[in-house]
Amino acid sequence: MSFSQKFASFRHYLWHGEAGIRTVHFWAPVFKWGLVIAGLSDLKKPPELVSTNQNIALAVTGFIWSRYSTQIIPKNWGLFAVNFFVGCTGLYQLIRKYNAGILFDDKKVPVKE
């Protein structure tokens, strides 16, 4: 099979597939990468400013939805990848807070004006 035939097959799958570009199974994971980017941008913040509850929720839901995405039909590996990384970023933030000794010590930090 030549490259052009393989590309045509891929292009057909991308456009007409069960998780193709015209479905929510494609676009939901694309937009969910925003959560991963937000989690990575929180790495610049000191651990005191990162919310424990928010990152517990991100880690738990990320890993639960990763499992779910492997059980549904069509299997959606894009959804798996994004949810896995959402879970990893949430877990990493929790590890940062644990290492700083402030995991469950969320206090209101005054906002500087």
PDB file of N, CA and C in Angstrom:
ATOM      1  N   MET A   1       0.850  -1.173   0.000  1.00  0.00           N
ATOM      2  CA  MET A   1       0.000   0.000   0.000  1.00  0.00           C
ATOM      3  C   MET A   1       0.897   1.238   0.000  1.00  0.00           C
ATOM      4  N   SER A   2       0.644   2.142  -0.912  1.00  0.00           N
ATOM      5  CA  SER A   2       1.472   3.338  -1.033  1.00  0.00           C
ATOM      6  C   SER A   2       1.072   4.375   0.018  1.00  0.00           C
ATOM      7  N   PHE A   3       1.923   5.385   0.153  1.00  0.00           N
ATOM      8  CA  PHE A   3       1.663   6.457   1.116  1.00  0.00           C
ATOM      9  C   PHE A   3       0.362   7.174   0.797  1.00  0.00           C
ATOM     10  N   SER A   4       0.112   7.439  -0.471  1.00  0.00           N
ATOM     11  CA  SER A   4      -1.106   8.172  -0.836  1.00  0.00           C
ATOM     12  C   SER A   4      -2.360   7.356  -0.504  1.00  0.00           C
ATOM     13  N   GLN A   5      -2.284   6.035  -0.640  1.00  0.00           N
ATOM     14  CA  GLN A   5      -3.424   5.195  -0.273  1.00  0.00           C
ATOM     15  C   GLN A   5      -3.633   5.187   1.243  1.00  0.00           C
ATOM     16  N   LYS A   6      -2.520   5.133   1.995  1.00  0.00           N
ATOM     17  CA  LYS A   6      -2.627   5.179   3.454  1.00  0.00           C
ATOM     18  C   LYS A   6      -3.184   6.521   3.906  1.00  0.00           C
ATOM     19  N   PHE A   7      -2.712   7.605   3.289  1.00  0.00           N
ATOM     20  CA  PHE A   7      -3.190   8.936   3.652  1.00  0.00           C
ATOM     21  C   PHE A   7      -4.667   9.085   3.317  1.00  0.00           C
ATOM     22  N   ALA A   8      -5.092   8.547   2.188  1.00  0.00           N
ATOM     23  CA  ALA A   8      -6.505   8.613   1.805  1.00  0.00           C
ATOM     24  C   ALA A   8      -7.361   7.842   2.808  1.00  0.00           C
ATOM     25  N   SER A   9      -6.865   6.700   3.255  1.00  0.00           N
ATOM     26  CA  SER A   9      -7.588   5.913   4.248  1.00  0.00           C
ATOM     27  C   SER A   9      -7.686   6.673   5.572  1.00  0.00           C
ATOM     28  N   PHE A  10      -6.584   7.294   5.989  1.00  0.00           N
ATOM     29  CA  PHE A  10      -6.584   8.078   7.223  1.00  0.00           C
ATOM     30  C   PHE A  10      -7.518   9.274   7.102  1.00  0.00           C
ATOM     31  N   ARG A  11      -7.464   9.943   5.972  1.00  0.00           N
ATOM     32  CA  ARG A  11      -8.321  11.114   5.750  1.00  0.00           C
ATOM     33  C   ARG A  11      -9.795  10.707   5.782  1.00  0.00           C
ATOM     34  N   HIS A  12     -10.108   9.562   5.205  1.00  0.00           N
ATOM     35  CA  HIS A  12     -11.486   9.068   5.239  1.00  0.00           C
ATOM     36  C   HIS A  12     -11.901   8.770   6.677  1.00  0.00           C
ATOM     37  N   TYR A  13     -11.042   8.123   7.446  1.00  0.00           N
ATOM     38  CA  TYR A  13     -11.354   7.834   8.847  1.00  0.00           C
ATOM     39  C   TYR A  13     -11.517   9.127   9.639  1.00  0.00           C
ATOM     40  N   LEU A  14     -10.635  10.093   9.406  1.00  0.00           N
ATOM     41  CA  LEU A  14     -10.700  11.359  10.135  1.00  0.00           C
ATOM     42  C   LEU A  14     -12.003  12.088   9.860  1.00  0.00           C
ATOM     43  N   TRP A  15     -12.483  12.021   8.634  1.00  0.00           N
ATOM     44  CA  TRP A  15     -13.702  12.743   8.280  1.00  0.00           C
ATOM     45  C   TRP A  15     -14.965  11.938   8.580  1.00  0.00           C
ATOM     46  N   HIS A  16     -14.950  10.639   8.322  1.00  0.00           N
ATOM     47  CA  HIS A  16     -16.157   9.817   8.433  1.00  0.00           C
ATOM     48  C   HIS A  16     -16.138   8.830   9.599  1.00  0.00           C
ATOM     49  N   GLY A  17     -15.068   8.759  10.357  1.00  0.00           N
ATOM     50  CA  GLY A  17     -14.962   7.773  11.436  1.00  0.00           C
ATOM     51  C   GLY A  17     -15.880   8.064  12.608  1.00  0.00           C
ATOM     52  N   GLU A  18     -16.036   7.058  13.475  1.00  0.00           N
ATOM     53  CA  GLU A  18     -16.905   7.200  14.644  1.00  0.00           C
ATOM     54  C   GLU A  18     -16.428   8.296  15.586  1.00  0.00           C
ATOM     55  N   ALA A  19     -15.137   8.533  15.631  1.00  0.00           N
ATOM     56  CA  ALA A  19     -14.574   9.608  16.453  1.00  0.00           C
ATOM     57  C   ALA A  19     -13.899  10.634  15.547  1.00  0.00           C
ATOM     58  N   GLY A  20     -14.476  10.826  14.382  1.00  0.00           N
ATOM     59  CA  GLY A  20     -13.901  11.732  13.394  1.00  0.00           C
ATOM     60  C   GLY A  20     -14.115  13.196  13.735  1.00  0.00           C
ATOM     61  N   ILE A  21     -13.601  14.029  12.882  1.00  0.00           N
ATOM     62  CA  ILE A  21     -13.563  15.464  13.122  1.00  0.00           C
ATOM     63  C   ILE A  21     -14.950  16.101  13.172  1.00  0.00           C
ATOM     64  N   ARG A  22     -15.949  15.424  12.665  1.00  0.00           N
ATOM     65  CA  ARG A  22     -17.307  15.978  12.671  1.00  0.00           C
ATOM     66  C   ARG A  22     -18.116  15.547  13.893  1.00  0.00           C
ATOM     67  N   THR A  23     -17.478  14.950  14.883  1.00  0.00           N
ATOM     68  CA  THR A  23     -18.210  14.442  16.046  1.00  0.00           C
ATOM     69  C   THR A  23     -17.721  15.095  17.330  1.00  0.00           C
ATOM     70  N   VAL A  24     -18.538  14.999  18.357  1.00  0.00           N
ATOM     71  CA  VAL A  24     -18.157  15.498  19.677  1.00  0.00           C
ATOM     72  C   VAL A  24     -17.018  14.655  20.256  1.00  0.00           C
ATOM     73  N   HIS A  25     -16.887  13.416  19.797  1.00  0.00           N
ATOM     74  CA  HIS A  25     -15.816  12.545  20.280  1.00  0.00           C
ATOM     75  C   HIS A  25     -14.447  13.072  19.876  1.00  0.00           C
ATOM     76  N   PHE A  26     -14.403  13.925  18.887  1.00  0.00           N
ATOM     77  CA  PHE A  26     -13.153  14.565  18.483  1.00  0.00           C
ATOM     78  C   PHE A  26     -12.976  15.900  19.198  1.00  0.00           C
ATOM     79  N   TRP A  27     -14.002  16.731  19.193  1.00  0.00           N
ATOM     80  CA  TRP A  27     -13.873  18.105  19.676  1.00  0.00           C
ATOM     81  C   TRP A  27     -13.829  18.219  21.191  1.00  0.00           C
ATOM     82  N   ALA A  28     -14.506  17.355  21.927  1.00  0.00           N
ATOM     83  CA  ALA A  28     -14.463  17.431  23.393  1.00  0.00           C
ATOM     84  C   ALA A  28     -13.036  17.266  23.920  1.00  0.00           C
ATOM     85  N   PRO A  29     -12.285  16.254  23.474  1.00  0.00           N
ATOM     86  CA  PRO A  29     -10.904  16.160  23.946  1.00  0.00           C
ATOM     87  C   PRO A  29     -10.032  17.331  23.498  1.00  0.00           C
ATOM     88  N   VAL A  30     -10.283  17.843  22.303  1.00  0.00           N
ATOM     89  CA  VAL A  30      -9.480  18.977  21.823  1.00  0.00           C
ATOM     90  C   VAL A  30      -9.618  20.158  22.775  1.00  0.00           C
ATOM     91  N   PHE A  31     -10.848  20.494  23.151  1.00  0.00           N
ATOM     92  CA  PHE A  31     -11.053  21.632  24.036  1.00  0.00           C
ATOM     93  C   PHE A  31     -10.655  21.322  25.476  1.00  0.00           C
ATOM     94  N   LYS A  32     -10.692  20.061  25.857  1.00  0.00           N
ATOM     95  CA  LYS A  32     -10.320  19.699  27.227  1.00  0.00           C
ATOM     96  C   LYS A  32      -8.821  19.851  27.468  1.00  0.00           C
ATOM     97  N   TRP A  33      -8.027  19.923  26.402  1.00  0.00           N
ATOM     98  CA  TRP A  33      -6.593  20.172  26.577  1.00  0.00           C
ATOM     99  C   TRP A  33      -6.360  21.512  27.262  1.00  0.00           C
ATOM    100  N   GLY A  34      -7.352  22.396  27.235  1.00  0.00           N
ATOM    101  CA  GLY A  34      -7.242  23.663  27.965  1.00  0.00           C
ATOM    102  C   GLY A  34      -7.051  23.443  29.460  1.00  0.00           C
ATOM    103  N   LEU A  35      -7.671  22.391  30.014  1.00  0.00           N
ATOM    104  CA  LEU A  35      -7.471  22.074  31.431  1.00  0.00           C
ATOM    105  C   LEU A  35      -6.035  21.646  31.704  1.00  0.00           C
ATOM    106  N   VAL A  36      -5.459  20.898  30.787  1.00  0.00           N
ATOM    107  CA  VAL A  36      -4.069  20.478  30.953  1.00  0.00           C
ATOM    108  C   VAL A  36      -3.154  21.696  30.889  1.00  0.00           C
ATOM    109  N   ILE A  37      -3.406  22.583  29.940  1.00  0.00           N
ATOM    110  CA  ILE A  37      -2.590  23.794  29.817  1.00  0.00           C
ATOM    111  C   ILE A  37      -2.722  24.652  31.072  1.00  0.00           C
ATOM    112  N   ALA A  38      -3.940  24.777  31.607  1.00  0.00           N
ATOM    113  CA  ALA A  38      -4.143  25.545  32.839  1.00  0.00           C
ATOM    114  C   ALA A  38      -3.397  24.904  34.007  1.00  0.00           C
ATOM    115  N   GLY A  39      -3.441  23.580  34.092  1.00  0.00           N
ATOM    116  CA  GLY A  39      -2.718  22.885  35.156  1.00  0.00           C
ATOM    117  C   GLY A  39      -1.221  23.069  35.047  1.00  0.00           C
ATOM    118  N   LEU A  40      -0.717  23.061  33.823  1.00  0.00           N
ATOM    119  CA  LEU A  40       0.714  23.282  33.634  1.00  0.00           C
ATOM    120  C   LEU A  40       1.101  24.722  33.946  1.00  0.00           C
ATOM    121  N   SER A  41       0.218  25.665  33.656  1.00  0.00           N
ATOM    122  CA  SER A  41       0.537  27.061  33.974  1.00  0.00           C
ATOM    123  C   SER A  41       0.527  27.292  35.483  1.00  0.00           C
ATOM    124  N   ASP A  42      -0.208  26.465  36.234  1.00  0.00           N
ATOM    125  CA  ASP A  42      -0.195  26.572  37.697  1.00  0.00           C
ATOM    126  C   ASP A  42       1.130  26.124  38.301  1.00  0.00           C
ATOM    127  N   LEU A  43       1.985  25.494  37.516  1.00  0.00           N
ATOM    128  CA  LEU A  43       3.296  25.098  38.031  1.00  0.00           C
ATOM    129  C   LEU A  43       4.140  26.316  38.381  1.00  0.00           C
ATOM    130  N   LYS A  44       3.823  27.460  37.788  1.00  0.00           N
ATOM    131  CA  LYS A  44       4.554  28.692  38.093  1.00  0.00           C
ATOM    132  C   LYS A  44       4.146  29.268  39.445  1.00  0.00           C
ATOM    133  N   LYS A  45       2.965  28.893  39.921  1.00  0.00           N
ATOM    134  CA  LYS A  45       2.473  29.412  41.195  1.00  0.00           C
ATOM    135  C   LYS A  45       3.150  28.684  42.353  1.00  0.00           C
ATOM    136  N   PRO A  46       3.324  29.375  43.477  1.00  0.00           N
ATOM    137  CA  PRO A  46       3.805  28.657  44.662  1.00  0.00           C
ATOM    138  C   PRO A  46       2.726  27.684  45.147  1.00  0.00           C
ATOM    139  N   PRO A  47       3.126  26.593  45.779  1.00  0.00           N
ATOM    140  CA  PRO A  47       2.148  25.586  46.206  1.00  0.00           C
ATOM    141  C   PRO A  47       1.058  26.134  47.126  1.00  0.00           C
ATOM    142  N   GLU A  48       1.349  27.201  47.850  1.00  0.00           N
ATOM    143  CA  GLU A  48       0.357  27.769  48.765  1.00  0.00           C
ATOM    144  C   GLU A  48      -0.850  28.324  48.020  1.00  0.00           C
ATOM    145  N   LEU A  49      -0.670  28.718  46.772  1.00  0.00           N
ATOM    146  CA  LEU A  49      -1.745  29.333  46.004  1.00  0.00           C
ATOM    147  C   LEU A  49      -2.553  28.335  45.179  1.00  0.00           C
ATOM    148  N   VAL A  50      -2.152  27.082  45.209  1.00  0.00           N
ATOM    149  CA  VAL A  50      -2.833  26.052  44.428  1.00  0.00           C
ATOM    150  C   VAL A  50      -3.898  25.401  45.310  1.00  0.00           C
ATOM    151  N   SER A  51      -5.107  25.254  44.781  1.00  0.00           N
ATOM    152  CA  SER A  51      -6.228  24.703  45.544  1.00  0.00           C
ATOM    153  C   SER A  51      -6.136  23.181  45.657  1.00  0.00           C
ATOM    154  N   THR A  52      -6.167  22.700  46.887  1.00  0.00           N
ATOM    155  CA  THR A  52      -6.145  21.258  47.122  1.00  0.00           C
ATOM    156  C   THR A  52      -7.414  20.599  46.589  1.00  0.00           C
ATOM    157  N   ASN A  53      -8.570  21.165  46.934  1.00  0.00           N
ATOM    158  CA  ASN A  53      -9.836  20.554  46.508  1.00  0.00           C
ATOM    159  C   ASN A  53      -9.962  20.510  44.993  1.00  0.00           C
ATOM    160  N   GLN A  54      -9.557  21.572  44.334  1.00  0.00           N
ATOM    161  CA  GLN A  54      -9.641  21.605  42.875  1.00  0.00           C
ATOM    162  C   GLN A  54      -8.759  20.534  42.263  1.00  0.00           C
ATOM    163  N   ASN A  55      -7.566  20.362  42.780  1.00  0.00           N
ATOM    164  CA  ASN A  55      -6.650  19.385  42.200  1.00  0.00           C
ATOM    165  C   ASN A  55      -7.017  17.956  42.562  1.00  0.00           C
ATOM    166  N   ILE A  56      -7.652  17.755  43.710  1.00  0.00           N
ATOM    167  CA  ILE A  56      -8.192  16.418  44.010  1.00  0.00           C
ATOM    168  C   ILE A  56      -9.265  16.081  42.979  1.00  0.00           C
ATOM    169  N   ALA A  57     -10.147  17.043  42.721  1.00  0.00           N
ATOM    170  CA  ALA A  57     -11.217  16.819  41.743  1.00  0.00           C
ATOM    171  C   ALA A  57     -10.647  16.560  40.351  1.00  0.00           C
ATOM    172  N   LEU A  58      -9.647  17.335  39.948  1.00  0.00           N
ATOM    173  CA  LEU A  58      -9.049  17.135  38.624  1.00  0.00           C
ATOM    174  C   LEU A  58      -8.373  15.773  38.521  1.00  0.00           C
ATOM    175  N   ALA A  59      -7.634  15.386  39.555  1.00  0.00           N
ATOM    176  CA  ALA A  59      -6.929  14.106  39.515  1.00  0.00           C
ATOM    177  C   ALA A  59      -7.916  12.939  39.469  1.00  0.00           C
ATOM    178  N   VAL A  60      -8.902  12.963  40.345  1.00  0.00           N
ATOM    179  CA  VAL A  60      -9.856  11.849  40.414  1.00  0.00           C
ATOM    180  C   VAL A  60     -10.675  11.749  39.131  1.00  0.00           C
ATOM    181  N   THR A  61     -11.249  12.864  38.688  1.00  0.00           N
ATOM    182  CA  THR A  61     -12.066  12.798  37.474  1.00  0.00           C
ATOM    183  C   THR A  61     -11.221  12.480  36.251  1.00  0.00           C
ATOM    184  N   GLY A  62      -9.995  12.974  36.222  1.00  0.00           N
ATOM    185  CA  GLY A  62      -9.123  12.661  35.090  1.00  0.00           C
ATOM    186  C   GLY A  62      -8.885  11.169  34.948  1.00  0.00           C
ATOM    187  N   PHE A  63      -8.576  10.512  36.058  1.00  0.00           N
ATOM    188  CA  PHE A  63      -8.301   9.078  35.989  1.00  0.00           C
ATOM    189  C   PHE A  63      -9.574   8.252  35.794  1.00  0.00           C
ATOM    190  N   ILE A  64     -10.685   8.691  36.390  1.00  0.00           N
ATOM    191  CA  ILE A  64     -11.950   7.970  36.174  1.00  0.00           C
ATOM    192  C   ILE A  64     -12.359   8.043  34.706  1.00  0.00           C
ATOM    193  N   TRP A  65     -12.302   9.229  34.114  1.00  0.00           N
ATOM    194  CA  TRP A  65     -12.694   9.377  32.708  1.00  0.00           C
ATOM    195  C   TRP A  65     -11.690   8.717  31.770  1.00  0.00           C
ATOM    196  N   SER A  66     -10.443   8.582  32.203  1.00  0.00           N
ATOM    197  CA  SER A  66      -9.479   7.826  31.392  1.00  0.00           C
ATOM    198  C   SER A  66      -9.924   6.377  31.278  1.00  0.00           C
ATOM    199  N   ARG A  67     -10.315   5.813  32.383  1.00  0.00           N
ATOM    200  CA  ARG A  67     -10.808   4.430  32.371  1.00  0.00           C
ATOM    201  C   ARG A  67     -12.072   4.318  31.519  1.00  0.00           C
ATOM    202  N   TYR A  68     -12.990   5.262  31.697  1.00  0.00           N
ATOM    203  CA  TYR A  68     -14.248   5.252  30.949  1.00  0.00           C
ATOM    204  C   TYR A  68     -13.994   5.302  29.444  1.00  0.00           C
ATOM    205  N   SER A  69     -13.025   6.110  29.034  1.00  0.00           N
ATOM    206  CA  SER A  69     -12.793   6.282  27.596  1.00  0.00           C
ATOM    207  C   SER A  69     -12.268   5.014  26.933  1.00  0.00           C
ATOM    208  N   THR A  70     -11.770   4.075  27.727  1.00  0.00           N
ATOM    209  CA  THR A  70     -11.331   2.801  27.145  1.00  0.00           C
ATOM    210  C   THR A  70     -12.451   1.773  27.103  1.00  0.00           C
ATOM    211  N   GLN A  71     -13.578   2.070  27.748  1.00  0.00           N
ATOM    212  CA  GLN A  71     -14.675   1.110  27.823  1.00  0.00           C
ATOM    213  C   GLN A  71     -15.825   1.435  26.877  1.00  0.00           C
ATOM    214  N   ILE A  72     -15.890   2.664  26.403  1.00  0.00           N
ATOM    215  CA  ILE A  72     -17.006   3.068  25.551  1.00  0.00           C
ATOM    216  C   ILE A  72     -16.760   2.659  24.106  1.00  0.00           C
ATOM    217  N   ILE A  73     -17.814   2.685  23.330  1.00  0.00           N
ATOM    218  CA  ILE A  73     -17.707   2.451  21.891  1.00  0.00           C
ATOM    219  C   ILE A  73     -18.156   3.724  21.209  1.00  0.00           C
ATOM    220  N   PRO A  74     -17.379   4.333  20.398  1.00  0.00           N
ATOM    221  CA  PRO A  74     -16.048   3.939  19.949  1.00  0.00           C
ATOM    222  C   PRO A  74     -15.004   4.249  21.011  1.00  0.00           C
ATOM    223  N   LYS A  75     -13.977   3.398  21.081  1.00  0.00           N
ATOM    224  CA  LYS A  75     -12.863   3.696  21.974  1.00  0.00           C
ATOM    225  C   LYS A  75     -12.268   5.013  21.514  1.00  0.00           C
ATOM    226  N   ASN A  76     -12.064   5.897  22.464  1.00  0.00           N
ATOM    227  CA  ASN A  76     -11.608   7.238  22.118  1.00  0.00           C
ATOM    228  C   ASN A  76     -10.262   7.480  22.786  1.00  0.00           C
ATOM    229  N   TRP A  77      -9.193   7.249  22.039  1.00  0.00           N
ATOM    230  CA  TRP A  77      -7.854   7.383  22.606  1.00  0.00           C
ATOM    231  C   TRP A  77      -7.474   8.839  22.820  1.00  0.00           C
ATOM    232  N   GLY A  78      -8.074   9.750  22.062  1.00  0.00           N
ATOM    233  CA  GLY A  78      -7.851  11.178  22.315  1.00  0.00           C
ATOM    234  C   GLY A  78      -8.424  11.581  23.661  1.00  0.00           C
ATOM    235  N   LEU A  79      -9.613  11.083  23.972  1.00  0.00           N
ATOM    236  CA  LEU A  79     -10.241  11.346  25.268  1.00  0.00           C
ATOM    237  C   LEU A  79      -9.428  10.707  26.388  1.00  0.00           C
ATOM    238  N   PHE A  80      -8.921   9.508  26.144  1.00  0.00           N
ATOM    239  CA  PHE A  80      -8.072   8.857  27.141  1.00  0.00           C
ATOM    240  C   PHE A  80      -6.840   9.701  27.433  1.00  0.00           C
ATOM    241  N   ALA A  81      -6.163  10.152  26.388  1.00  0.00           N
ATOM    242  CA  ALA A  81      -4.920  10.907  26.574  1.00  0.00           C
ATOM    243  C   ALA A  81      -5.154  12.192  27.347  1.00  0.00           C
ATOM    244  N   VAL A  82      -6.170  12.952  26.960  1.00  0.00           N
ATOM    245  CA  VAL A  82      -6.391  14.231  27.629  1.00  0.00           C
ATOM    246  C   VAL A  82      -6.793  14.017  29.079  1.00  0.00           C
ATOM    247  N   ASN A  83      -7.636  13.039  29.364  1.00  0.00           N
ATOM    248  CA  ASN A  83      -8.037  12.800  30.745  1.00  0.00           C
ATOM    249  C   ASN A  83      -6.892  12.260  31.585  1.00  0.00           C
ATOM    250  N   PHE A  84      -6.053  11.440  30.999  1.00  0.00           N
ATOM    251  CA  PHE A  84      -4.880  10.948  31.716  1.00  0.00           C
ATOM    252  C   PHE A  84      -3.980  12.113  32.113  1.00  0.00           C
ATOM    253  N   PHE A  85      -3.763  13.045  31.194  1.00  0.00           N
ATOM    254  CA  PHE A  85      -2.909  14.188  31.513  1.00  0.00           C
ATOM    255  C   PHE A  85      -3.580  15.163  32.473  1.00  0.00           C
ATOM    256  N   VAL A  86      -4.902  15.287  32.431  1.00  0.00           N
ATOM    257  CA  VAL A  86      -5.615  16.087  33.438  1.00  0.00           C
ATOM    258  C   VAL A  86      -5.379  15.466  34.815  1.00  0.00           C
ATOM    259  N   GLY A  87      -5.519  14.149  34.915  1.00  0.00           N
ATOM    260  CA  GLY A  87      -5.267  13.461  36.178  1.00  0.00           C
ATOM    261  C   GLY A  87      -3.832  13.619  36.649  1.00  0.00           C
ATOM    262  N   CYS A  88      -2.897  13.523  35.716  1.00  0.00           N
ATOM    263  CA  CYS A  88      -1.480  13.661  36.078  1.00  0.00           C
ATOM    264  C   CYS A  88      -1.146  15.065  36.564  1.00  0.00           C
ATOM    265  N   THR A  89      -1.681  16.091  35.906  1.00  0.00           N
ATOM    266  CA  THR A  89      -1.381  17.456  36.356  1.00  0.00           C
ATOM    267  C   THR A  89      -1.997  17.711  37.729  1.00  0.00           C
ATOM    268  N   GLY A  90      -3.219  17.228  37.965  1.00  0.00           N
ATOM    269  CA  GLY A  90      -3.825  17.379  39.288  1.00  0.00           C
ATOM    270  C   GLY A  90      -3.030  16.646  40.357  1.00  0.00           C
ATOM    271  N   LEU A  91      -2.610  15.423  40.053  1.00  0.00           N
ATOM    272  CA  LEU A  91      -1.825  14.636  41.000  1.00  0.00           C
ATOM    273  C   LEU A  91      -0.474  15.291  41.272  1.00  0.00           C
ATOM    274  N   TYR A  92       0.154  15.817  40.234  1.00  0.00           N
ATOM    275  CA  TYR A  92       1.455  16.471  40.420  1.00  0.00           C
ATOM    276  C   TYR A  92       1.327  17.700  41.319  1.00  0.00           C
ATOM    277  N   GLN A  93       0.254  18.467  41.154  1.00  0.00           N
ATOM    278  CA  GLN A  93       0.045  19.633  42.018  1.00  0.00           C
ATOM    279  C   GLN A  93      -0.157  19.190  43.468  1.00  0.00           C
ATOM    280  N   LEU A  94      -0.879  18.103  43.673  1.00  0.00           N
ATOM    281  CA  LEU A  94      -1.071  17.590  45.032  1.00  0.00           C
ATOM    282  C   LEU A  94       0.250  17.121  45.636  1.00  0.00           C
ATOM    283  N   ILE A  95       1.098  16.510  44.834  1.00  0.00           N
ATOM    284  CA  ILE A  95       2.417  16.088  45.312  1.00  0.00           C
ATOM    285  C   ILE A  95       3.251  17.303  45.688  1.00  0.00           C
ATOM    286  N   ARG A  96       3.166  18.359  44.889  1.00  0.00           N
ATOM    287  CA  ARG A  96       3.885  19.600  45.227  1.00  0.00           C
ATOM    288  C   ARG A  96       3.429  20.143  46.577  1.00  0.00           C
ATOM    289  N   LYS A  97       2.127  20.153  46.812  1.00  0.00           N
ATOM    290  CA  LYS A  97       1.599  20.652  48.088  1.00  0.00           C
ATOM    291  C   LYS A  97       2.009  19.736  49.245  1.00  0.00           C
ATOM    292  N   TYR A  98       1.988  18.429  49.017  1.00  0.00           N
ATOM    293  CA  TYR A  98       2.390  17.479  50.053  1.00  0.00           C
ATOM    294  C   TYR A  98       3.855  17.679  50.421  1.00  0.00           C
ATOM    295  N   ASN A  99       4.715  17.821  49.416  1.00  0.00           N
ATOM    296  CA  ASN A  99       6.141  18.029  49.670  1.00  0.00           C
ATOM    297  C   ASN A  99       6.409  19.341  50.392  1.00  0.00           C
ATOM    298  N   ALA A 100       5.560  20.329  50.184  1.00  0.00           N
ATOM    299  CA  ALA A 100       5.707  21.608  50.883  1.00  0.00           C
ATOM    300  C   ALA A 100       5.101  21.545  52.281  1.00  0.00           C
ATOM    301  N   GLY A 101       4.421  20.448  52.613  1.00  0.00           N
ATOM    302  CA  GLY A 101       3.834  20.274  53.933  1.00  0.00           C
ATOM    303  C   GLY A 101       2.542  21.039  54.142  1.00  0.00           C
ATOM    304  N   ILE A 102       1.857  21.383  53.067  1.00  0.00           N
ATOM    305  CA  ILE A 102       0.644  22.200  53.182  1.00  0.00           C
ATOM    306  C   ILE A 102      -0.520  21.590  52.411  1.00  0.00           C
ATOM    307  N   LEU A 103      -0.578  20.291  52.339  1.00  0.00           N
ATOM    308  CA  LEU A 103      -1.595  19.645  51.510  1.00  0.00           C
ATOM    309  C   LEU A 103      -3.010  20.022  51.927  1.00  0.00           C
ATOM    310  N   PHE A 104      -3.310  19.966  53.207  1.00  0.00           N
ATOM    311  CA  PHE A 104      -4.664  20.293  53.669  1.00  0.00           C
ATOM    312  C   PHE A 104      -4.664  21.569  54.493  1.00  0.00           C
ATOM    313  N   ASP A 105      -3.822  22.500  54.104  1.00  0.00           N
ATOM    314  CA  ASP A 105      -3.690  23.755  54.838  1.00  0.00           C
ATOM    315  C   ASP A 105      -4.077  24.926  53.942  1.00  0.00           C
ATOM    316  N   ASP A 106      -5.200  24.781  53.216  1.00  0.00           N
ATOM    317  CA  ASP A 106      -5.656  25.869  52.343  1.00  0.00           C
ATOM    318  C   ASP A 106      -6.185  27.012  53.193  1.00  0.00           C
ATOM    319  N   LYS A 107      -5.535  28.124  53.080  1.00  0.00           N
ATOM    320  CA  LYS A 107      -5.979  29.329  53.765  1.00  0.00           C
ATOM    321  C   LYS A 107      -6.235  30.382  52.712  1.00  0.00           C
ATOM    322  N   LYS A 108      -7.072  31.316  53.062  1.00  0.00           N
ATOM    323  CA  LYS A 108      -7.323  32.424  52.147  1.00  0.00           C
ATOM    324  C   LYS A 108      -6.065  33.286  52.086  1.00  0.00           C
ATOM    325  N   VAL A 109      -5.542  33.459  50.905  1.00  0.00           N
ATOM    326  CA  VAL A 109      -4.367  34.298  50.705  1.00  0.00           C
ATOM    327  C   VAL A 109      -4.853  35.669  50.277  1.00  0.00           C
ATOM    328  N   PRO A 110      -4.416  36.719  50.966  1.00  0.00           N
ATOM    329  CA  PRO A 110      -4.880  38.054  50.573  1.00  0.00           C
ATOM    330  C   PRO A 110      -4.426  38.404  49.163  1.00  0.00           C
ATOM    331  N   VAL A 111      -5.314  39.049  48.444  1.00  0.00           N
ATOM    332  CA  VAL A 111      -5.021  39.449  47.070  1.00  0.00           C
ATOM    333  C   VAL A 111      -4.293  40.780  47.095  1.00  0.00           C
ATOM    334  N   LYS A 112      -3.172  40.838  46.402  1.00  0.00           N
ATOM    335  CA  LYS A 112      -2.418  42.093  46.319  1.00  0.00           C
ATOM    336  C   LYS A 112      -3.027  42.972  45.249  1.00  0.00           C
ATOM    337  N   GLU A 113      -3.237  44.218  45.585  1.00  0.00           N
ATOM    338  CA  GLU A 113      -3.805  45.145  44.603  1.00  0.00           C
ATOM    339  C   GLU A 113      -2.749  46.060  44.058  1.00  0.00           C
TER     340      GLU A 113
END
